[in-house]
Amino acid sequence: CLIAFVLSIVLLFLFRYVVAFVVWIVLIGVVVVSVFGTIYLWV
């Protein structure tokens, strides 16, 4: 429970200082997964 509390606090710090990295990694990951999934279906 304490670990979950600490992780939530750490997450807030990440959202403030490295949120750009997190957001763009998520978006790029979604695009990459979509592209590879589409290629796999066609193959």
PDB file of all heavy atoms in Angstrom:
ATOM      1  N   CYS A   1       0.825  -1.202   0.000  1.00  0.00           N
ATOM      2  CA  CYS A   1       0.000   0.000   0.000  1.00  0.00           C
ATOM      3  C   CYS A   1       0.865   1.260   0.000  1.00  0.00           C
ATOM      4  O   CYS A   1       0.576   2.233  -0.716  1.00  0.00           O
ATOM      5  CB  CYS A   1      -0.935  -0.003   1.208  1.00  0.00           C
ATOM      6  SG  CYS A   1      -2.203  -1.293   1.150  1.00  0.00           S
ATOM      7  N   LEU A   2       1.933   1.242   0.790  1.00  0.00           N
ATOM      8  CA  LEU A   2       2.861   2.377   0.798  1.00  0.00           C
ATOM      9  C   LEU A   2       3.556   2.525  -0.550  1.00  0.00           C
ATOM     10  O   LEU A   2       3.761   3.648  -1.034  1.00  0.00           O
ATOM     11  CB  LEU A   2       3.895   2.197   1.911  1.00  0.00           C
ATOM     12  CG  LEU A   2       3.357   2.259   3.345  1.00  0.00           C
ATOM     13  CD1 LEU A   2       4.470   1.959   4.346  1.00  0.00           C
ATOM     14  CD2 LEU A   2       2.738   3.623   3.629  1.00  0.00           C
ATOM     15  N   ILE A   3       3.905   1.396  -1.162  1.00  0.00           N
ATOM     16  CA  ILE A   3       4.535   1.439  -2.486  1.00  0.00           C
ATOM     17  C   ILE A   3       3.573   2.045  -3.506  1.00  0.00           C
ATOM     18  O   ILE A   3       3.973   2.864  -4.360  1.00  0.00           O
ATOM     19  CB  ILE A   3       4.977   0.027  -2.910  1.00  0.00           C
ATOM     20  CG1 ILE A   3       6.168  -0.428  -2.062  1.00  0.00           C
ATOM     21  CG2 ILE A   3       5.332  -0.015  -4.387  1.00  0.00           C
ATOM     22  CD1 ILE A   3       6.561  -1.878  -2.285  1.00  0.00           C
ATOM     23  N   ALA A   4       2.304   1.665  -3.448  1.00  0.00           N
ATOM     24  CA  ALA A   4       1.309   2.232  -4.366  1.00  0.00           C
ATOM     25  C   ALA A   4       1.169   3.732  -4.159  1.00  0.00           C
ATOM     26  O   ALA A   4       1.056   4.499  -5.130  1.00  0.00           O
ATOM     27  CB  ALA A   4      -0.036   1.541  -4.165  1.00  0.00           C
ATOM     28  N   PHE A   5       1.206   4.167  -2.909  1.00  0.00           N
ATOM     29  CA  PHE A   5       1.120   5.595  -2.614  1.00  0.00           C
ATOM     30  C   PHE A   5       2.334   6.331  -3.180  1.00  0.00           C
ATOM     31  O   PHE A   5       2.196   7.391  -3.808  1.00  0.00           O
ATOM     32  CB  PHE A   5       1.020   5.796  -1.101  1.00  0.00           C
ATOM     33  CG  PHE A   5       0.884   7.227  -0.675  1.00  0.00           C
ATOM     34  CD1 PHE A   5      -0.359   7.849  -0.703  1.00  0.00           C
ATOM     35  CD2 PHE A   5       1.977   7.957  -0.245  1.00  0.00           C
ATOM     36  CE1 PHE A   5      -0.494   9.170  -0.317  1.00  0.00           C
ATOM     37  CE2 PHE A   5       1.853   9.282   0.147  1.00  0.00           C
ATOM     38  CZ  PHE A   5       0.608   9.885   0.114  1.00  0.00           C
ATOM     39  N   VAL A   6       3.515   5.773  -2.983  1.00  0.00           N
ATOM     40  CA  VAL A   6       4.742   6.402  -3.492  1.00  0.00           C
ATOM     41  C   VAL A   6       4.735   6.428  -5.022  1.00  0.00           C
ATOM     42  O   VAL A   6       5.117   7.434  -5.643  1.00  0.00           O
ATOM     43  CB  VAL A   6       5.984   5.661  -2.961  1.00  0.00           C
ATOM     44  CG1 VAL A   6       7.256   6.182  -3.628  1.00  0.00           C
ATOM     45  CG2 VAL A   6       6.090   5.816  -1.447  1.00  0.00           C
ATOM     46  N   LEU A   7       4.309   5.338  -5.634  1.00  0.00           N
ATOM     47  CA  LEU A   7       4.252   5.292  -7.100  1.00  0.00           C
ATOM     48  C   LEU A   7       3.292   6.345  -7.649  1.00  0.00           C
ATOM     49  O   LEU A   7       3.558   6.949  -8.699  1.00  0.00           O
ATOM     50  CB  LEU A   7       3.828   3.904  -7.562  1.00  0.00           C
ATOM     51  CG  LEU A   7       4.851   2.782  -7.410  1.00  0.00           C
ATOM     52  CD1 LEU A   7       4.239   1.443  -7.817  1.00  0.00           C
ATOM     53  CD2 LEU A   7       6.101   3.060  -8.240  1.00  0.00           C
ATOM     54  N   SER A   8       2.188   6.579  -6.954  1.00  0.00           N
ATOM     55  CA  SER A   8       1.250   7.612  -7.401  1.00  0.00           C
ATOM     56  C   SER A   8       1.879   8.996  -7.307  1.00  0.00           C
ATOM     57  O   SER A   8       1.693   9.830  -8.212  1.00  0.00           O
ATOM     58  CB  SER A   8      -0.030   7.554  -6.564  1.00  0.00           C
ATOM     59  OG  SER A   8      -0.668   6.299  -6.683  1.00  0.00           O
ATOM     60  N   ILE A   9       2.625   9.251  -6.233  1.00  0.00           N
ATOM     61  CA  ILE A   9       3.317  10.537  -6.101  1.00  0.00           C
ATOM     62  C   ILE A   9       4.373  10.685  -7.197  1.00  0.00           C
ATOM     63  O   ILE A   9       4.500  11.754  -7.825  1.00  0.00           O
ATOM     64  CB  ILE A   9       3.963  10.658  -4.711  1.00  0.00           C
ATOM     65  CG1 ILE A   9       2.885  10.632  -3.611  1.00  0.00           C
ATOM     66  CG2 ILE A   9       4.785  11.935  -4.620  1.00  0.00           C
ATOM     67  CD1 ILE A   9       1.961  11.810  -3.625  1.00  0.00           C
ATOM     68  N   VAL A  10       5.131   9.615  -7.441  1.00  0.00           N
ATOM     69  CA  VAL A  10       6.144   9.654  -8.505  1.00  0.00           C
ATOM     70  C   VAL A  10       5.494   9.920  -9.856  1.00  0.00           C
ATOM     71  O   VAL A  10       6.029  10.660 -10.694  1.00  0.00           O
ATOM     72  CB  VAL A  10       6.944   8.333  -8.517  1.00  0.00           C
ATOM     73  CG1 VAL A  10       7.852   8.274  -9.745  1.00  0.00           C
ATOM     74  CG2 VAL A  10       7.771   8.202  -7.253  1.00  0.00           C
ATOM     75  N   LEU A  11       4.325   9.333 -10.070  1.00  0.00           N
ATOM     76  CA  LEU A  11       3.617   9.528 -11.331  1.00  0.00           C
ATOM     77  C   LEU A  11       3.243  10.992 -11.529  1.00  0.00           C
ATOM     78  O   LEU A  11       3.328  11.526 -12.648  1.00  0.00           O
ATOM     79  CB  LEU A  11       2.365   8.657 -11.357  1.00  0.00           C
ATOM     80  CG  LEU A  11       1.622   8.558 -12.687  1.00  0.00           C
ATOM     81  CD1 LEU A  11       2.503   7.897 -13.740  1.00  0.00           C
ATOM     82  CD2 LEU A  11       0.331   7.777 -12.516  1.00  0.00           C
ATOM     83  N   LEU A  12       2.842  11.661 -10.455  1.00  0.00           N
ATOM     84  CA  LEU A  12       2.522  13.087 -10.557  1.00  0.00           C
ATOM     85  C   LEU A  12       3.750  13.897 -10.948  1.00  0.00           C
ATOM     86  O   LEU A  12       3.661  14.839 -11.751  1.00  0.00           O
ATOM     87  CB  LEU A  12       1.947  13.580  -9.228  1.00  0.00           C
ATOM     88  CG  LEU A  12       0.598  12.996  -8.802  1.00  0.00           C
ATOM     89  CD1 LEU A  12       0.149  13.600  -7.483  1.00  0.00           C
ATOM     90  CD2 LEU A  12      -0.455  13.226  -9.861  1.00  0.00           C
ATOM     91  N   PHE A  13       4.914  13.551 -10.377  1.00  0.00           N
ATOM     92  CA  PHE A  13       6.149  14.243 -10.749  1.00  0.00           C
ATOM     93  C   PHE A  13       6.507  13.981 -12.214  1.00  0.00           C
ATOM     94  O   PHE A  13       6.959  14.889 -12.923  1.00  0.00           O
ATOM     95  CB  PHE A  13       7.299  13.809  -9.835  1.00  0.00           C
ATOM     96  CG  PHE A  13       7.300  14.492  -8.499  1.00  0.00           C
ATOM     97  CD1 PHE A  13       6.767  13.871  -7.390  1.00  0.00           C
ATOM     98  CD2 PHE A  13       7.827  15.762  -8.346  1.00  0.00           C
ATOM     99  CE1 PHE A  13       6.754  14.489  -6.146  1.00  0.00           C
ATOM    100  CE2 PHE A  13       7.822  16.411  -7.118  1.00  0.00           C
ATOM    101  CZ  PHE A  13       7.281  15.770  -6.014  1.00  0.00           C
ATOM    102  N   LEU A  14       6.299  12.758 -12.679  1.00  0.00           N
ATOM    103  CA  LEU A  14       6.581  12.443 -14.082  1.00  0.00           C
ATOM    104  C   LEU A  14       5.664  13.241 -15.006  1.00  0.00           C
ATOM    105  O   LEU A  14       6.107  13.730 -16.057  1.00  0.00           O
ATOM    106  CB  LEU A  14       6.399  10.940 -14.329  1.00  0.00           C
ATOM    107  CG  LEU A  14       7.411  10.010 -13.673  1.00  0.00           C
ATOM    108  CD1 LEU A  14       7.052   8.554 -13.964  1.00  0.00           C
ATOM    109  CD2 LEU A  14       8.824  10.306 -14.176  1.00  0.00           C
ATOM    110  N   PHE A  15       4.404  13.381 -14.624  1.00  0.00           N
ATOM    111  CA  PHE A  15       3.476  14.143 -15.441  1.00  0.00           C
ATOM    112  C   PHE A  15       3.863  15.613 -15.506  1.00  0.00           C
ATOM    113  O   PHE A  15       3.554  16.292 -16.494  1.00  0.00           O
ATOM    114  CB  PHE A  15       2.050  14.014 -14.893  1.00  0.00           C
ATOM    115  CG  PHE A  15       1.384  12.723 -15.273  1.00  0.00           C
ATOM    116  CD1 PHE A  15       0.296  12.262 -14.560  1.00  0.00           C
ATOM    117  CD2 PHE A  15       1.841  11.971 -16.331  1.00  0.00           C
ATOM    118  CE1 PHE A  15      -0.330  11.077 -14.913  1.00  0.00           C
ATOM    119  CE2 PHE A  15       1.231  10.781 -16.692  1.00  0.00           C
ATOM    120  CZ  PHE A  15       0.145  10.334 -15.975  1.00  0.00           C
ATOM    121  N   ARG A  16       4.521  16.101 -14.489  1.00  0.00           N
ATOM    122  CA  ARG A  16       4.903  17.512 -14.517  1.00  0.00           C
ATOM    123  C   ARG A  16       6.190  17.750 -15.297  1.00  0.00           C
ATOM    124  O   ARG A  16       6.283  18.701 -16.065  1.00  0.00           O
ATOM    125  CB  ARG A  16       5.066  18.039 -13.091  1.00  0.00           C
ATOM    126  CG  ARG A  16       5.512  19.496 -13.065  1.00  0.00           C
ATOM    127  CD  ARG A  16       5.614  20.072 -11.682  1.00  0.00           C
ATOM    128  NE  ARG A  16       6.066  21.451 -11.734  1.00  0.00           N
ATOM    129  CZ  ARG A  16       6.293  22.210 -10.665  1.00  0.00           C
ATOM    130  NH1 ARG A  16       6.094  21.700  -9.448  1.00  0.00           N
ATOM    131  NH2 ARG A  16       6.717  23.456 -10.791  1.00  0.00           N
ATOM    132  N   TYR A  17       7.183  16.876 -15.129  1.00  0.00           N
ATOM    133  CA  TYR A  17       8.511  17.175 -15.665  1.00  0.00           C
ATOM    134  C   TYR A  17       8.833  16.439 -16.970  1.00  0.00           C
ATOM    135  O   TYR A  17       9.585  16.962 -17.793  1.00  0.00           O
ATOM    136  CB  TYR A  17       9.579  16.847 -14.618  1.00  0.00           C
ATOM    137  CG  TYR A  17       9.479  17.727 -13.395  1.00  0.00           C
ATOM    138  CD1 TYR A  17       8.994  17.222 -12.184  1.00  0.00           C
ATOM    139  CD2 TYR A  17       9.851  19.062 -13.445  1.00  0.00           C
ATOM    140  CE1 TYR A  17       8.891  18.029 -11.059  1.00  0.00           C
ATOM    141  CE2 TYR A  17       9.751  19.873 -12.326  1.00  0.00           C
ATOM    142  CZ  TYR A  17       9.273  19.349 -11.134  1.00  0.00           C
ATOM    143  OH  TYR A  17       9.165  20.155 -10.036  1.00  0.00           O
ATOM    144  N   VAL A  18       8.302  15.230 -17.165  1.00  0.00           N
ATOM    145  CA  VAL A  18       8.635  14.487 -18.389  1.00  0.00           C
ATOM    146  C   VAL A  18       7.365  14.050 -19.113  1.00  0.00           C
ATOM    147  O   VAL A  18       7.352  13.027 -19.784  1.00  0.00           O
ATOM    148  CB  VAL A  18       9.523  13.258 -18.064  1.00  0.00           C
ATOM    149  CG1 VAL A  18      10.870  13.683 -17.554  1.00  0.00           C
ATOM    150  CG2 VAL A  18       8.825  12.327 -17.075  1.00  0.00           C
ATOM    151  N   VAL A  19       6.315  14.845 -18.987  1.00  0.00           N
ATOM    152  CA  VAL A  19       5.046  14.456 -19.592  1.00  0.00           C
ATOM    153  C   VAL A  19       5.134  14.463 -21.112  1.00  0.00           C
ATOM    154  O   VAL A  19       4.486  13.667 -21.796  1.00  0.00           O
ATOM    155  CB  VAL A  19       3.915  15.384 -19.101  1.00  0.00           C
ATOM    156  CG1 VAL A  19       4.132  16.815 -19.574  1.00  0.00           C
ATOM    157  CG2 VAL A  19       2.561  14.864 -19.545  1.00  0.00           C
ATOM    158  N   ALA A  20       5.950  15.367 -21.679  1.00  0.00           N
ATOM    159  CA  ALA A  20       6.098  15.401 -23.135  1.00  0.00           C
ATOM    160  C   ALA A  20       6.645  14.076 -23.644  1.00  0.00           C
ATOM    161  O   ALA A  20       6.160  13.520 -24.644  1.00  0.00           O
ATOM    162  CB  ALA A  20       7.015  16.553 -23.546  1.00  0.00           C
ATOM    163  N   PHE A  21       7.649  13.566 -22.957  1.00  0.00           N
ATOM    164  CA  PHE A  21       8.228  12.279 -23.345  1.00  0.00           C
ATOM    165  C   PHE A  21       7.182  11.168 -23.242  1.00  0.00           C
ATOM    166  O   PHE A  21       7.051  10.338 -24.146  1.00  0.00           O
ATOM    167  CB  PHE A  21       9.434  11.974 -22.449  1.00  0.00           C
ATOM    168  CG  PHE A  21      10.042  10.619 -22.680  1.00  0.00           C
ATOM    169  CD1 PHE A  21      10.871  10.397 -23.760  1.00  0.00           C
ATOM    170  CD2 PHE A  21       9.768   9.564 -21.814  1.00  0.00           C
ATOM    171  CE1 PHE A  21      11.435   9.147 -23.982  1.00  0.00           C
ATOM    172  CE2 PHE A  21      10.315   8.312 -22.021  1.00  0.00           C
ATOM    173  CZ  PHE A  21      11.154   8.115 -23.112  1.00  0.00           C
ATOM    174  N   VAL A  22       6.423  11.164 -22.157  1.00  0.00           N
ATOM    175  CA  VAL A  22       5.414  10.119 -21.943  1.00  0.00           C
ATOM    176  C   VAL A  22       4.337  10.181 -23.026  1.00  0.00           C
ATOM    177  O   VAL A  22       3.960   9.160 -23.631  1.00  0.00           O
ATOM    178  CB  VAL A  22       4.781  10.262 -20.544  1.00  0.00           C
ATOM    179  CG1 VAL A  22       3.632   9.284 -20.372  1.00  0.00           C
ATOM    180  CG2 VAL A  22       5.825  10.045 -19.463  1.00  0.00           C
ATOM    181  N   VAL A  23       3.823  11.377 -23.303  1.00  0.00           N
ATOM    182  CA  VAL A  23       2.744  11.522 -24.274  1.00  0.00           C
ATOM    183  C   VAL A  23       3.190  11.098 -25.664  1.00  0.00           C
ATOM    184  O   VAL A  23       2.505  10.331 -26.353  1.00  0.00           O
ATOM    185  CB  VAL A  23       2.237  12.976 -24.284  1.00  0.00           C
ATOM    186  CG1 VAL A  23       1.296  13.209 -25.466  1.00  0.00           C
ATOM    187  CG2 VAL A  23       1.502  13.292 -22.983  1.00  0.00           C
ATOM    188  N   TRP A  24       4.359  11.567 -26.081  1.00  0.00           N
ATOM    189  CA  TRP A  24       4.794  11.243 -27.438  1.00  0.00           C
ATOM    190  C   TRP A  24       5.207   9.781 -27.568  1.00  0.00           C
ATOM    191  O   TRP A  24       5.027   9.178 -28.631  1.00  0.00           O
ATOM    192  CB  TRP A  24       5.936  12.169 -27.858  1.00  0.00           C
ATOM    193  CG  TRP A  24       5.451  13.545 -28.202  1.00  0.00           C
ATOM    194  CD1 TRP A  24       5.649  14.692 -27.511  1.00  0.00           C
ATOM    195  CD2 TRP A  24       4.644  13.895 -29.336  1.00  0.00           C
ATOM    196  NE1 TRP A  24       5.024  15.745 -28.122  1.00  0.00           N
ATOM    197  CE2 TRP A  24       4.404  15.287 -29.252  1.00  0.00           C
ATOM    198  CE3 TRP A  24       4.092  13.178 -30.408  1.00  0.00           C
ATOM    199  CZ2 TRP A  24       3.647  15.962 -30.196  1.00  0.00           C
ATOM    200  CZ3 TRP A  24       3.345  13.853 -31.342  1.00  0.00           C
ATOM    201  CH2 TRP A  24       3.122  15.228 -31.239  1.00  0.00           C
ATOM    202  N   ILE A  25       5.726   9.201 -26.510  1.00  0.00           N
ATOM    203  CA  ILE A  25       6.024   7.759 -26.555  1.00  0.00           C
ATOM    204  C   ILE A  25       4.729   6.972 -26.729  1.00  0.00           C
ATOM    205  O   ILE A  25       4.653   6.007 -27.512  1.00  0.00           O
ATOM    206  CB  ILE A  25       6.770   7.325 -25.277  1.00  0.00           C
ATOM    207  CG1 ILE A  25       8.232   7.779 -25.349  1.00  0.00           C
ATOM    208  CG2 ILE A  25       6.699   5.812 -25.102  1.00  0.00           C
ATOM    209  CD1 ILE A  25       9.038   7.099 -26.442  1.00  0.00           C
ATOM    210  N   VAL A  26       3.681   7.393 -26.017  1.00  0.00           N
ATOM    211  CA  VAL A  26       2.388   6.712 -26.133  1.00  0.00           C
ATOM    212  C   VAL A  26       1.838   6.844 -27.549  1.00  0.00           C
ATOM    213  O   VAL A  26       1.392   5.861 -28.166  1.00  0.00           O
ATOM    214  CB  VAL A  26       1.394   7.274 -25.101  1.00  0.00           C
ATOM    215  CG1 VAL A  26      -0.016   6.779 -25.396  1.00  0.00           C
ATOM    216  CG2 VAL A  26       1.809   6.871 -23.697  1.00  0.00           C
ATOM    217  N   LEU A  27       1.874   8.062 -28.098  1.00  0.00           N
ATOM    218  CA  LEU A  27       1.336   8.280 -29.436  1.00  0.00           C
ATOM    219  C   LEU A  27       2.140   7.527 -30.497  1.00  0.00           C
ATOM    220  O   LEU A  27       1.567   6.895 -31.397  1.00  0.00           O
ATOM    221  CB  LEU A  27       1.331   9.777 -29.750  1.00  0.00           C
ATOM    222  CG  LEU A  27       0.353  10.622 -28.930  1.00  0.00           C
ATOM    223  CD1 LEU A  27       0.500  12.091 -29.281  1.00  0.00           C
ATOM    224  CD2 LEU A  27      -1.072  10.172 -29.180  1.00  0.00           C
ATOM    225  N   ILE A  28       3.454   7.590 -30.391  1.00  0.00           N
ATOM    226  CA  ILE A  28       4.284   6.864 -31.346  1.00  0.00           C
ATOM    227  C   ILE A  28       4.046   5.362 -31.228  1.00  0.00           C
ATOM    228  O   ILE A  28       3.982   4.636 -32.227  1.00  0.00           O
ATOM    229  CB  ILE A  28       5.777   7.218 -31.137  1.00  0.00           C
ATOM    230  CG1 ILE A  28       6.017   8.687 -31.510  1.00  0.00           C
ATOM    231  CG2 ILE A  28       6.673   6.311 -31.976  1.00  0.00           C
ATOM    232  CD1 ILE A  28       7.413   9.173 -31.176  1.00  0.00           C
ATOM    233  N   GLY A  29       3.904   4.882 -29.982  1.00  0.00           N
ATOM    234  CA  GLY A  29       3.630   3.459 -29.784  1.00  0.00           C
ATOM    235  C   GLY A  29       2.321   3.040 -30.419  1.00  0.00           C
ATOM    236  O   GLY A  29       2.226   1.982 -31.053  1.00  0.00           O
ATOM    237  N   VAL A  30       1.272   3.881 -30.283  1.00  0.00           N
ATOM    238  CA  VAL A  30      -0.016   3.566 -30.896  1.00  0.00           C
ATOM    239  C   VAL A  30       0.100   3.520 -32.420  1.00  0.00           C
ATOM    240  O   VAL A  30      -0.430   2.616 -33.081  1.00  0.00           O
ATOM    241  CB  VAL A  30      -1.075   4.601 -30.461  1.00  0.00           C
ATOM    242  CG1 VAL A  30      -2.355   4.432 -31.270  1.00  0.00           C
ATOM    243  CG2 VAL A  30      -1.371   4.465 -28.979  1.00  0.00           C
ATOM    244  N   VAL A  31       0.819   4.484 -32.983  1.00  0.00           N
ATOM    245  CA  VAL A  31       0.989   4.508 -34.439  1.00  0.00           C
ATOM    246  C   VAL A  31       1.772   3.286 -34.915  1.00  0.00           C
ATOM    247  O   VAL A  31       1.398   2.630 -35.903  1.00  0.00           O
ATOM    248  CB  VAL A  31       1.691   5.811 -34.870  1.00  0.00           C
ATOM    249  CG1 VAL A  31       2.050   5.756 -36.358  1.00  0.00           C
ATOM    250  CG2 VAL A  31       0.802   7.014 -34.591  1.00  0.00           C
ATOM    251  N   VAL A  32       2.863   2.947 -34.208  1.00  0.00           N
ATOM    252  CA  VAL A  32       3.687   1.808 -34.613  1.00  0.00           C
ATOM    253  C   VAL A  32       2.893   0.511 -34.531  1.00  0.00           C
ATOM    254  O   VAL A  32       2.928  -0.332 -35.446  1.00  0.00           O
ATOM    255  CB  VAL A  32       4.960   1.741 -33.750  1.00  0.00           C
ATOM    256  CG1 VAL A  32       5.700   0.427 -33.979  1.00  0.00           C
ATOM    257  CG2 VAL A  32       5.874   2.907 -34.057  1.00  0.00           C
ATOM    258  N   VAL A  33       2.158   0.323 -33.432  1.00  0.00           N
ATOM    259  CA  VAL A  33       1.355  -0.889 -33.288  1.00  0.00           C
ATOM    260  C   VAL A  33       0.293  -0.963 -34.383  1.00  0.00           C
ATOM    261  O   VAL A  33       0.042  -2.038 -34.954  1.00  0.00           O
ATOM    262  CB  VAL A  33       0.706  -0.927 -31.889  1.00  0.00           C
ATOM    263  CG1 VAL A  33      -0.325  -2.045 -31.808  1.00  0.00           C
ATOM    264  CG2 VAL A  33       1.776  -1.124 -30.820  1.00  0.00           C
ATOM    265  N   SER A  34      -0.318   0.169 -34.711  1.00  0.00           N
ATOM    266  CA  SER A  34      -1.343   0.172 -35.760  1.00  0.00           C
ATOM    267  C   SER A  34      -0.741  -0.189 -37.112  1.00  0.00           C
ATOM    268  O   SER A  34      -1.325  -0.977 -37.876  1.00  0.00           O
ATOM    269  CB  SER A  34      -2.010   1.556 -35.832  1.00  0.00           C
ATOM    270  OG  SER A  34      -2.627   1.882 -34.603  1.00  0.00           O
ATOM    271  N   VAL A  35       0.437   0.364 -37.423  1.00  0.00           N
ATOM    272  CA  VAL A  35       1.082   0.084 -38.709  1.00  0.00           C
ATOM    273  C   VAL A  35       1.462  -1.390 -38.807  1.00  0.00           C
ATOM    274  O   VAL A  35       1.160  -2.063 -39.807  1.00  0.00           O
ATOM    275  CB  VAL A  35       2.307   0.988 -38.903  1.00  0.00           C
ATOM    276  CG1 VAL A  35       3.113   0.537 -40.120  1.00  0.00           C
ATOM    277  CG2 VAL A  35       1.875   2.439 -39.067  1.00  0.00           C
ATOM    278  N   PHE A  36       2.120  -1.904 -37.784  1.00  0.00           N
ATOM    279  CA  PHE A  36       2.536  -3.306 -37.829  1.00  0.00           C
ATOM    280  C   PHE A  36       1.329  -4.250 -37.824  1.00  0.00           C
ATOM    281  O   PHE A  36       1.349  -5.301 -38.473  1.00  0.00           O
ATOM    282  CB  PHE A  36       3.469  -3.623 -36.658  1.00  0.00           C
ATOM    283  CG  PHE A  36       4.897  -3.238 -36.920  1.00  0.00           C
ATOM    284  CD1 PHE A  36       5.404  -2.035 -36.458  1.00  0.00           C
ATOM    285  CD2 PHE A  36       5.740  -4.077 -37.643  1.00  0.00           C
ATOM    286  CE1 PHE A  36       6.717  -1.674 -36.702  1.00  0.00           C
ATOM    287  CE2 PHE A  36       7.054  -3.719 -37.892  1.00  0.00           C
ATOM    288  CZ  PHE A  36       7.547  -2.514 -37.420  1.00  0.00           C
ATOM    289  N   GLY A  37       0.281  -3.886 -37.068  1.00  0.00           N
ATOM    290  CA  GLY A  37      -0.923  -4.703 -37.088  1.00  0.00           C
ATOM    291  C   GLY A  37      -1.567  -4.739 -38.459  1.00  0.00           C
ATOM    292  O   GLY A  37      -2.031  -5.799 -38.923  1.00  0.00           O
ATOM    293  N   THR A  38      -1.598  -3.602 -39.129  1.00  0.00           N
ATOM    294  CA  THR A  38      -2.155  -3.546 -40.484  1.00  0.00           C
ATOM    295  C   THR A  38      -1.322  -4.376 -41.460  1.00  0.00           C
ATOM    296  O   THR A  38      -1.872  -5.137 -42.288  1.00  0.00           O
ATOM    297  CB  THR A  38      -2.229  -2.088 -40.962  1.00  0.00           C
ATOM    298  OG1 THR A  38      -3.019  -1.338 -40.040  1.00  0.00           O
ATOM    299  CG2 THR A  38      -2.845  -2.001 -42.343  1.00  0.00           C
ATOM    300  N   ILE A  39      -0.002  -4.240 -41.375  1.00  0.00           N
ATOM    301  CA  ILE A  39       0.876  -5.020 -42.254  1.00  0.00           C
ATOM    302  C   ILE A  39       0.682  -6.516 -42.013  1.00  0.00           C
ATOM    303  O   ILE A  39       0.611  -7.319 -42.962  1.00  0.00           O
ATOM    304  CB  ILE A  39       2.346  -4.609 -42.034  1.00  0.00           C
ATOM    305  CG1 ILE A  39       2.562  -3.163 -42.490  1.00  0.00           C
ATOM    306  CG2 ILE A  39       3.289  -5.549 -42.781  1.00  0.00           C
ATOM    307  CD1 ILE A  39       3.945  -2.629 -42.174  1.00  0.00           C
ATOM    308  N   TYR A  40       0.574  -6.908 -40.751  1.00  0.00           N
ATOM    309  CA  TYR A  40       0.382  -8.328 -40.431  1.00  0.00           C
ATOM    310  C   TYR A  40      -0.918  -8.852 -41.025  1.00  0.00           C
ATOM    311  O   TYR A  40      -0.964  -9.959 -41.572  1.00  0.00           O
ATOM    312  CB  TYR A  40       0.387  -8.525 -38.917  1.00  0.00           C
ATOM    313  CG  TYR A  40      -0.044  -9.908 -38.501  1.00  0.00           C
ATOM    314  CD1 TYR A  40       0.827 -10.989 -38.576  1.00  0.00           C
ATOM    315  CD2 TYR A  40      -1.353 -10.147 -38.035  1.00  0.00           C
ATOM    316  CE1 TYR A  40       0.427 -12.260 -38.200  1.00  0.00           C
ATOM    317  CE2 TYR A  40      -1.757 -11.405 -37.656  1.00  0.00           C
ATOM    318  CZ  TYR A  40      -0.863 -12.462 -37.742  1.00  0.00           C
ATOM    319  OH  TYR A  40      -1.261 -13.722 -37.383  1.00  0.00           O
ATOM    320  N   LEU A  41      -2.001  -8.066 -40.943  1.00  0.00           N
ATOM    321  CA  LEU A  41      -3.288  -8.513 -41.477  1.00  0.00           C
ATOM    322  C   LEU A  41      -3.235  -8.671 -42.995  1.00  0.00           C
ATOM    323  O   LEU A  41      -3.781  -9.632 -43.549  1.00  0.00           O
ATOM    324  CB  LEU A  41      -4.389  -7.527 -41.075  1.00  0.00           C
ATOM    325  CG  LEU A  41      -4.809  -7.564 -39.604  1.00  0.00           C
ATOM    326  CD1 LEU A  41      -5.800  -6.452 -39.307  1.00  0.00           C
ATOM    327  CD2 LEU A  41      -5.417  -8.914 -39.237  1.00  0.00           C
ATOM    328  N   TRP A  42      -2.572  -7.741 -43.680  1.00  0.00           N
ATOM    329  CA  TRP A  42      -2.455  -7.865 -45.127  1.00  0.00           C
ATOM    330  C   TRP A  42      -1.603  -9.068 -45.512  1.00  0.00           C
ATOM    331  O   TRP A  42      -1.932  -9.789 -46.473  1.00  0.00           O
ATOM    332  CB  TRP A  42      -1.878  -6.584 -45.725  1.00  0.00           C
ATOM    333  CG  TRP A  42      -2.888  -5.482 -45.879  1.00  0.00           C
ATOM    334  CD1 TRP A  42      -2.922  -4.312 -45.198  1.00  0.00           C
ATOM    335  CD2 TRP A  42      -3.998  -5.461 -46.774  1.00  0.00           C
ATOM    336  NE1 TRP A  42      -3.992  -3.545 -45.589  1.00  0.00           N
ATOM    337  CE2 TRP A  42      -4.673  -4.233 -46.573  1.00  0.00           C
ATOM    338  CE3 TRP A  42      -4.506  -6.345 -47.709  1.00  0.00           C
ATOM    339  CZ2 TRP A  42      -5.811  -3.878 -47.279  1.00  0.00           C
ATOM    340  CZ3 TRP A  42      -5.647  -5.996 -48.426  1.00  0.00           C
ATOM    341  CH2 TRP A  42      -6.289  -4.783 -48.212  1.00  0.00           C
ATOM    342  N   VAL A  43      -0.503  -9.277 -44.797  1.00  0.00           N
ATOM    343  CA  VAL A  43       0.342 -10.439 -45.090  1.00  0.00           C
ATOM    344  C   VAL A  43      -0.424 -11.731 -44.825  1.00  0.00           C
ATOM    345  O   VAL A  43      -0.375 -12.690 -45.620  1.00  0.00           O
ATOM    346  CB  VAL A  43       1.637 -10.384 -44.259  1.00  0.00           C
ATOM    347  CG1 VAL A  43       2.428 -11.691 -44.386  1.00  0.00           C
ATOM    348  CG2 VAL A  43       2.508  -9.210 -44.705  1.00  0.00           C
TER     349      VAL A  43
END
